[in-house]
């Protein structure tokens, strides 16, 4: 669910469908550009591209976990989003004139959701292992997809995911007073912002051409996190700046490009199943990079969330016209 231009039908906009296919006015030109720049990538199996994007995002999260203790969540997010905004703005060169007031309201809300999502998630990394934070955050889009689908099986899957989150949060094994309520609250906030991000990205894609909306939203996100980010700017070093560049590449630019390429040749169902592996990959990244180990009950909880996500996002039926369909 890292792709900023997912597949959507937009309510109240007949015939406006945004998909990462050759004819897509949002993703098509970007995909073509990536293929021209890296022709050999087109021969890589699509599932491998998606998995590469998942690995890139989660190891980017592990890199962020090493940066947050040094310059704080605000500084880490500012470096990641700010650098990504500069790069994408230079590439996309978005058109700023000729947009309605409603379109500007949408893209600003999209940028705010994007900034708060990353800020709260990075804040949770100071209190929770990476695998736990990602698993709790994953409930946001999972619940959103379930509400939009209205299938009984999906509701059962979300209940199972809720039990999985209780297990991975150690609610059954640690006294309530000792739980990291701040970390859990921040991760849950990130999940709620992720759900808002999904809905607003659909409307932004309908209102702005190509990557204009995303480029503008990243600038808005930078402004949102700027006050908190600059509070630690006096301790930034060259190493911090290089880590910020790594975050921008690993967590934004690289996975986005890989997912756009994959969506040309991959069904939404398979794409959803592959993205469901994110909590598991996050736990692996936390183990390899940060030495974070999850106990048996936490691994069972993580598996429940992965299974629930695979059911909800991998077995979706086609939506009726006028509904929002997200991948």
Protein backbone atom coordinates (compact mmCIF):
# COMPACT_ATOMS: atom_id res chain seq x y z
CA UNK A 1 0.00 0.00 0.00
CA UNK A 2 2.90 2.32 -0.59
CA UNK A 3 1.96 3.22 -4.11
CA UNK A 4 0.83 6.88 -4.11
CA UNK A 5 -1.28 6.38 -7.25
CA UNK A 6 -3.35 3.27 -6.53
CA UNK A 7 -6.25 2.00 -8.60
CA UNK A 8 -9.47 3.84 -7.94
CA UNK A 9 -12.94 4.54 -9.21
CA UNK A 10 -13.83 7.99 -7.92
CA UNK A 11 -17.33 8.57 -6.60
CA UNK A 12 -19.24 11.16 -8.58
CA UNK A 13 -16.72 11.31 -11.44
CA UNK A 14 -18.08 9.03 -14.19
CA UNK A 15 -15.49 7.27 -16.24
CA UNK A 16 -12.56 8.62 -14.23
CA UNK A 17 -10.48 5.61 -13.27
CA UNK A 18 -6.87 5.83 -12.20
CA UNK A 19 -4.80 2.73 -12.75
CA UNK A 20 -1.11 2.10 -13.32
CA UNK A 21 -1.58 0.83 -16.88
CA UNK A 22 -0.25 2.06 -20.19
CA UNK A 23 -3.26 4.31 -20.79
CA UNK A 24 -3.36 5.81 -17.30
CA UNK A 25 -3.02 9.63 -17.42
CA UNK A 26 -1.51 9.58 -13.93
CA UNK A 27 0.92 6.68 -13.95
CA UNK A 28 1.36 5.89 -17.63
CA UNK A 29 3.91 8.60 -18.50
CA UNK A 30 5.90 7.87 -15.34
CA UNK A 31 5.95 4.14 -16.06
CA UNK A 32 7.06 4.73 -19.61
CA UNK A 33 9.83 6.99 -18.39
CA UNK A 34 11.12 4.40 -15.93
CA UNK A 35 11.03 1.70 -18.60
CA UNK A 36 12.98 3.88 -21.02
CA UNK A 37 15.52 4.74 -18.32
CA UNK A 38 15.91 1.14 -17.14
CA UNK A 39 14.82 -1.14 -20.01
CA UNK A 40 16.06 -4.29 -18.25
CA UNK A 41 13.63 -3.71 -15.36
CA UNK A 42 10.74 -4.48 -17.70
CA UNK A 43 11.84 -8.12 -17.89
CA UNK A 44 11.77 -8.62 -14.12
CA UNK A 45 8.68 -10.58 -12.94
CA UNK A 46 6.03 -8.21 -11.60
CA UNK A 47 5.66 -9.97 -8.20
CA UNK A 48 9.40 -9.59 -7.68
CA UNK A 49 9.12 -5.85 -8.35
CA UNK A 50 6.37 -5.50 -5.74
CA UNK A 51 8.32 -7.54 -3.23
CA UNK A 52 11.36 -5.38 -3.96
CA UNK A 53 9.27 -2.31 -3.15
CA UNK A 54 8.06 -3.89 0.11
CA UNK A 55 11.63 -4.76 1.13
CA UNK A 56 12.81 -1.25 0.22
CA UNK A 57 10.12 0.43 2.35
CA UNK A 58 10.68 -1.74 5.41
CA UNK A 59 14.47 -1.51 5.35
CA UNK A 60 13.95 2.22 4.93
CA UNK A 61 11.89 2.01 8.12
CA UNK A 62 14.77 0.23 9.82
CA UNK A 63 17.09 3.02 8.68
CA UNK A 64 14.62 5.54 10.10
CA UNK A 65 14.69 3.72 13.43
CA UNK A 66 18.42 4.44 13.64
CA UNK A 67 17.87 8.12 12.82
CA UNK A 68 14.91 8.91 15.10
CA UNK A 69 16.88 8.53 18.38
CA UNK A 70 19.48 10.97 17.10
CA UNK A 71 17.42 13.81 15.57
CA UNK A 72 13.86 12.92 16.58
CA UNK A 73 10.82 11.88 14.56
CA UNK A 74 10.25 15.42 13.25
CA UNK A 75 13.78 15.81 11.92
CA UNK A 76 13.77 12.33 10.37
CA UNK A 77 10.46 12.92 8.59
CA UNK A 78 11.52 16.37 7.43
CA UNK A 79 14.66 14.98 5.81
CA UNK A 80 12.80 12.12 4.15
CA UNK A 81 9.81 14.11 2.86
CA UNK A 82 11.76 17.28 2.12
CA UNK A 83 14.36 15.52 -0.02
CA UNK A 84 11.69 13.45 -1.78
CA UNK A 85 9.69 16.64 -2.44
CA UNK A 86 12.65 18.40 -4.01
CA UNK A 87 13.45 15.44 -6.27
CA UNK A 88 9.85 14.79 -7.35
CA UNK A 89 9.06 18.49 -7.83
CA UNK A 90 12.07 18.79 -10.13
CA UNK A 91 11.04 15.69 -12.10
CA UNK A 92 7.27 16.32 -12.30
CA UNK A 93 7.36 20.13 -12.67
CA UNK A 94 3.71 20.38 -11.61
CA UNK A 95 1.38 22.97 -13.12
CA UNK A 96 0.24 25.33 -10.36
CA UNK A 97 -2.31 27.40 -12.29
CA UNK A 98 -5.76 26.55 -13.54
CA UNK A 99 -6.94 24.40 -10.61
CA UNK A 100 -10.23 24.88 -8.80
CA UNK A 101 -10.40 25.80 -5.12
CA UNK A 102 -11.81 22.34 -4.34
CA UNK A 103 -8.79 20.69 -5.99
CA UNK A 104 -6.43 22.77 -3.87
CA UNK A 105 -8.34 21.87 -0.71
CA UNK A 106 -8.03 18.19 -1.64
CA UNK A 107 -4.30 18.25 -2.34
CA UNK A 108 -3.61 20.23 0.85
CA UNK A 109 -5.60 17.69 2.90
CA UNK A 110 -3.69 14.92 1.11
CA UNK A 111 -0.38 16.53 2.02
CA UNK A 112 -1.41 17.00 5.66
CA UNK A 113 -2.45 13.33 5.90
CA UNK A 114 0.84 12.28 4.30
CA UNK A 115 2.90 14.38 6.69
CA UNK A 116 1.03 13.30 9.82
CA UNK A 117 1.15 9.64 8.73
CA UNK A 118 4.93 9.66 8.47
CA UNK A 119 5.42 11.83 11.57
CA UNK A 120 3.29 9.61 13.82
CA UNK A 121 4.80 6.41 12.41
CA UNK A 122 8.36 7.60 12.93
CA UNK A 123 7.37 8.73 16.41
CA UNK A 124 6.15 5.19 17.17
CA UNK A 125 9.56 3.79 16.23
CA UNK A 126 11.01 5.45 19.32
CA UNK A 127 8.73 3.28 21.49
CA UNK A 128 8.03 0.08 19.52
CA UNK A 129 9.96 -2.52 17.52
CA UNK A 130 9.64 -1.93 13.78
CA UNK A 131 7.57 -5.09 13.19
CA UNK A 132 5.09 -4.13 15.93
CA UNK A 133 4.71 -0.55 14.66
CA UNK A 134 4.06 -1.64 11.07
CA UNK A 135 1.57 -4.31 12.15
CA UNK A 136 -0.49 -1.86 14.21
CA UNK A 137 -0.32 0.76 11.45
CA UNK A 138 -1.51 -1.82 8.92
CA UNK A 139 -4.93 -1.93 10.63
CA UNK A 140 -5.80 1.46 9.08
CA UNK A 141 -5.95 0.46 5.41
CA UNK A 142 -7.16 -3.02 6.38
CA UNK A 143 -10.24 -1.64 8.17
CA UNK A 144 -10.84 0.86 5.36
CA UNK A 145 -10.81 -1.85 2.70
CA UNK A 146 -13.15 -3.99 4.79
CA UNK A 147 -15.65 -1.16 5.29
CA UNK A 148 -15.69 -0.44 1.57
CA UNK A 149 -16.12 -4.11 0.61
CA UNK A 150 -18.84 -5.02 3.17
CA UNK A 151 -18.11 -8.77 2.86
CA UNK A 152 -18.75 -10.87 5.97
CA UNK A 153 -15.45 -12.72 5.44
CA UNK A 154 -13.59 -9.40 5.54
CA UNK A 155 -15.14 -8.46 8.88
CA UNK A 156 -14.07 -11.81 10.31
CA UNK A 157 -10.58 -11.20 8.94
CA UNK A 158 -10.41 -7.80 10.66
CA UNK A 159 -11.48 -9.38 13.96
CA UNK A 160 -8.63 -11.86 13.54
CA UNK A 161 -6.27 -8.98 12.77
CA UNK A 162 -7.46 -7.19 15.92
CA UNK A 163 -6.58 -10.30 17.93
CA UNK A 164 -3.22 -10.35 16.18
CA UNK A 165 -2.53 -6.76 17.20
CA UNK A 166 -3.39 -7.60 20.82
CA UNK A 167 -0.88 -10.44 20.68
CA UNK A 168 1.89 -8.44 19.06
CA UNK A 169 1.35 -5.52 21.47
CA UNK A 170 1.94 -7.92 24.40
CA UNK A 171 -1.43 -6.98 25.92
CA UNK A 172 -1.86 -10.56 27.19
CA UNK A 173 1.61 -10.97 28.67
CA UNK A 174 2.57 -7.52 30.00
CA UNK A 175 0.71 -5.52 32.70
CA UNK A 176 -1.42 -2.80 31.13
CA UNK A 177 0.53 -0.13 33.00
CA UNK A 178 3.75 -1.33 31.36
CA UNK A 179 2.49 -1.31 27.76
CA UNK A 180 3.91 1.35 25.46
CA UNK A 181 0.64 3.24 25.08
CA UNK A 182 2.38 6.19 23.45
CA UNK A 183 3.96 3.98 20.78
CA UNK A 184 0.74 2.05 20.18
CA UNK A 185 -1.25 5.28 19.96
CA UNK A 186 1.20 6.80 17.48
CA UNK A 187 1.17 3.66 15.31
CA UNK A 188 -2.66 3.60 15.38
CA UNK A 189 -2.70 7.30 14.43
CA UNK A 190 -0.38 6.51 11.53
CA UNK A 191 -2.83 3.80 10.43
CA UNK A 192 -5.77 6.22 10.53
CA UNK A 193 -3.78 8.76 8.52
CA UNK A 194 -2.85 6.00 6.06
CA UNK A 195 -6.56 5.30 5.50
CA UNK A 196 -7.19 9.02 4.92
CA UNK A 197 -4.17 9.10 2.60
CA UNK A 198 -5.67 6.31 0.48
CA UNK A 199 -8.99 8.11 0.05
CA UNK A 200 -7.43 11.51 -0.59
CA UNK A 201 -4.90 10.13 -3.08
CA UNK A 202 -7.85 8.98 -5.23
CA UNK A 203 -9.36 12.45 -5.27
CA UNK A 204 -5.97 14.08 -5.85
CA UNK A 205 -5.33 11.78 -8.79
CA UNK A 206 -8.68 12.81 -10.30
CA UNK A 207 -8.01 16.52 -9.85
CA UNK A 208 -4.37 16.77 -10.96
CA UNK A 209 -2.57 15.43 -14.03
CA UNK A 210 0.36 13.02 -13.96
CA UNK A 211 2.34 13.37 -10.73
CA UNK A 212 1.42 17.01 -10.11
CA UNK A 213 -0.80 16.26 -7.13
CA UNK A 214 1.75 14.08 -5.38
CA UNK A 215 4.55 16.61 -5.93
CA UNK A 216 2.43 19.42 -4.47
CA UNK A 217 1.28 17.21 -1.57
CA UNK A 218 4.89 16.45 -0.64
CA UNK A 219 5.59 20.18 -0.44
CA UNK A 220 2.56 20.58 1.85
CA UNK A 221 3.81 17.66 3.97
CA UNK A 222 7.19 19.32 4.27
CA UNK A 223 5.55 22.50 5.56
CA UNK A 224 3.49 20.47 8.07
CA UNK A 225 6.54 18.81 9.64
CA UNK A 226 8.90 21.78 9.19
CA UNK A 227 8.46 23.34 12.68
CA UNK A 228 9.09 20.07 14.51
CA UNK A 229 11.85 19.05 12.11
CA UNK A 230 13.84 22.24 12.44
CA UNK A 231 13.96 21.89 16.22
CA UNK A 232 16.78 19.37 15.83
CA UNK A 233 18.50 20.99 12.84
CA UNK A 234 21.35 22.31 14.98
CA UNK A 235 22.56 18.75 15.61
CA UNK A 236 22.29 17.52 12.03
CA UNK A 237 25.49 16.14 10.56
CA UNK A 238 26.51 15.00 7.11
CA UNK A 239 25.71 11.45 8.19
CA UNK A 240 22.17 12.50 9.11
CA UNK A 241 21.69 14.16 5.73
CA UNK A 242 22.91 11.04 3.94
CA UNK A 243 20.52 8.90 5.99
CA UNK A 244 17.72 11.30 5.03
CA UNK A 245 18.62 10.85 1.38
CA UNK A 246 18.57 7.10 1.91
CA UNK A 247 15.12 7.37 3.47
CA UNK A 248 13.81 9.41 0.54
CA UNK A 249 15.07 6.78 -1.89
CA UNK A 250 14.26 3.60 0.06
CA UNK A 251 10.90 4.67 1.48
CA UNK A 252 9.52 6.83 -1.33
CA UNK A 253 11.15 7.03 -4.74
CA UNK A 254 12.37 3.45 -5.29
CA UNK A 255 9.27 1.55 -4.07
CA UNK A 256 6.96 3.94 -5.91
CA UNK A 257 8.76 3.35 -9.22
CA UNK A 258 8.87 -0.43 -8.71
CA UNK A 259 5.18 -0.63 -7.87
CA UNK A 260 4.19 1.46 -10.88
CA UNK A 261 6.13 -0.90 -13.12
CA UNK A 262 4.58 -3.96 -11.46
CA UNK A 263 1.00 -2.68 -11.72
CA UNK A 264 1.24 -2.73 -15.51
CA UNK A 265 1.37 -6.53 -15.42
CA UNK A 266 -0.16 -7.52 -12.10
CA UNK A 267 -3.74 -7.95 -10.92
CA UNK A 268 -5.00 -5.97 -7.93
CA UNK A 269 -5.59 -9.23 -6.05
CA UNK A 270 -1.98 -10.43 -6.34
CA UNK A 271 -0.72 -6.92 -5.61
CA UNK A 272 -2.76 -6.81 -2.38
CA UNK A 273 -1.52 -10.21 -1.25
CA UNK A 274 2.10 -9.23 -1.80
CA UNK A 275 1.66 -5.97 0.11
CA UNK A 276 0.22 -8.00 2.97
CA UNK A 277 3.74 -9.27 3.60
CA UNK A 278 4.83 -5.84 4.87
CA UNK A 279 4.53 -6.60 8.62
CA UNK A 280 6.54 -9.80 8.17
CA UNK A 281 9.23 -8.02 6.15
CA UNK A 282 9.27 -5.23 8.76
CA UNK A 283 9.92 -7.81 11.50
CA UNK A 284 12.75 -9.27 9.41
CA UNK A 285 14.25 -5.82 8.78
CA UNK A 286 14.02 -5.07 12.49
CA UNK A 287 15.87 -8.30 13.29
CA UNK A 288 18.63 -7.86 10.69
CA UNK A 289 19.27 -4.13 11.03
CA UNK A 290 18.22 -3.38 14.59
CA UNK A 291 18.54 -6.71 16.37
CA UNK A 292 14.88 -6.58 17.43
CA UNK A 293 13.42 -10.02 18.25
CA UNK A 294 9.73 -10.84 18.57
CA UNK A 295 8.56 -13.64 20.85
CA UNK A 296 6.33 -16.53 19.75
CA UNK A 297 3.03 -14.85 20.65
CA UNK A 298 4.06 -11.69 18.80
CA UNK A 299 4.96 -13.72 15.71
CA UNK A 300 1.56 -15.45 15.88
CA UNK A 301 -0.11 -12.04 16.08
CA UNK A 302 1.90 -10.79 13.12
CA UNK A 303 0.90 -13.88 11.13
CA UNK A 304 -2.79 -13.24 11.91
CA UNK A 305 -2.53 -9.69 10.55
CA UNK A 306 -0.71 -10.86 7.41
CA UNK A 307 -3.33 -13.58 6.82
CA UNK A 308 -6.22 -11.17 7.41
CA UNK A 309 -4.71 -8.64 5.02
CA UNK A 310 -4.18 -11.30 2.34
CA UNK A 311 -7.85 -12.31 2.67
CA UNK A 312 -9.20 -8.77 2.54
CA UNK A 313 -6.94 -7.37 -0.19
CA UNK A 314 -6.32 -10.53 -2.17
CA UNK A 315 -9.90 -11.70 -2.60
CA UNK A 316 -11.66 -8.48 -3.52
CA UNK A 317 -14.49 -8.55 -6.01
CA UNK A 318 -14.89 -5.90 -8.71
CA UNK A 319 -16.59 -2.78 -7.34
CA UNK A 320 -19.81 -1.35 -8.68
CA UNK A 321 -19.48 1.91 -10.59
CA UNK A 322 -19.32 4.91 -8.29
CA UNK A 323 -17.57 3.13 -5.45
CA UNK A 324 -13.99 3.66 -4.44
CA UNK A 325 -11.73 0.72 -5.14
CA UNK A 326 -8.27 0.88 -3.66
CA UNK A 327 -5.24 -1.33 -4.04
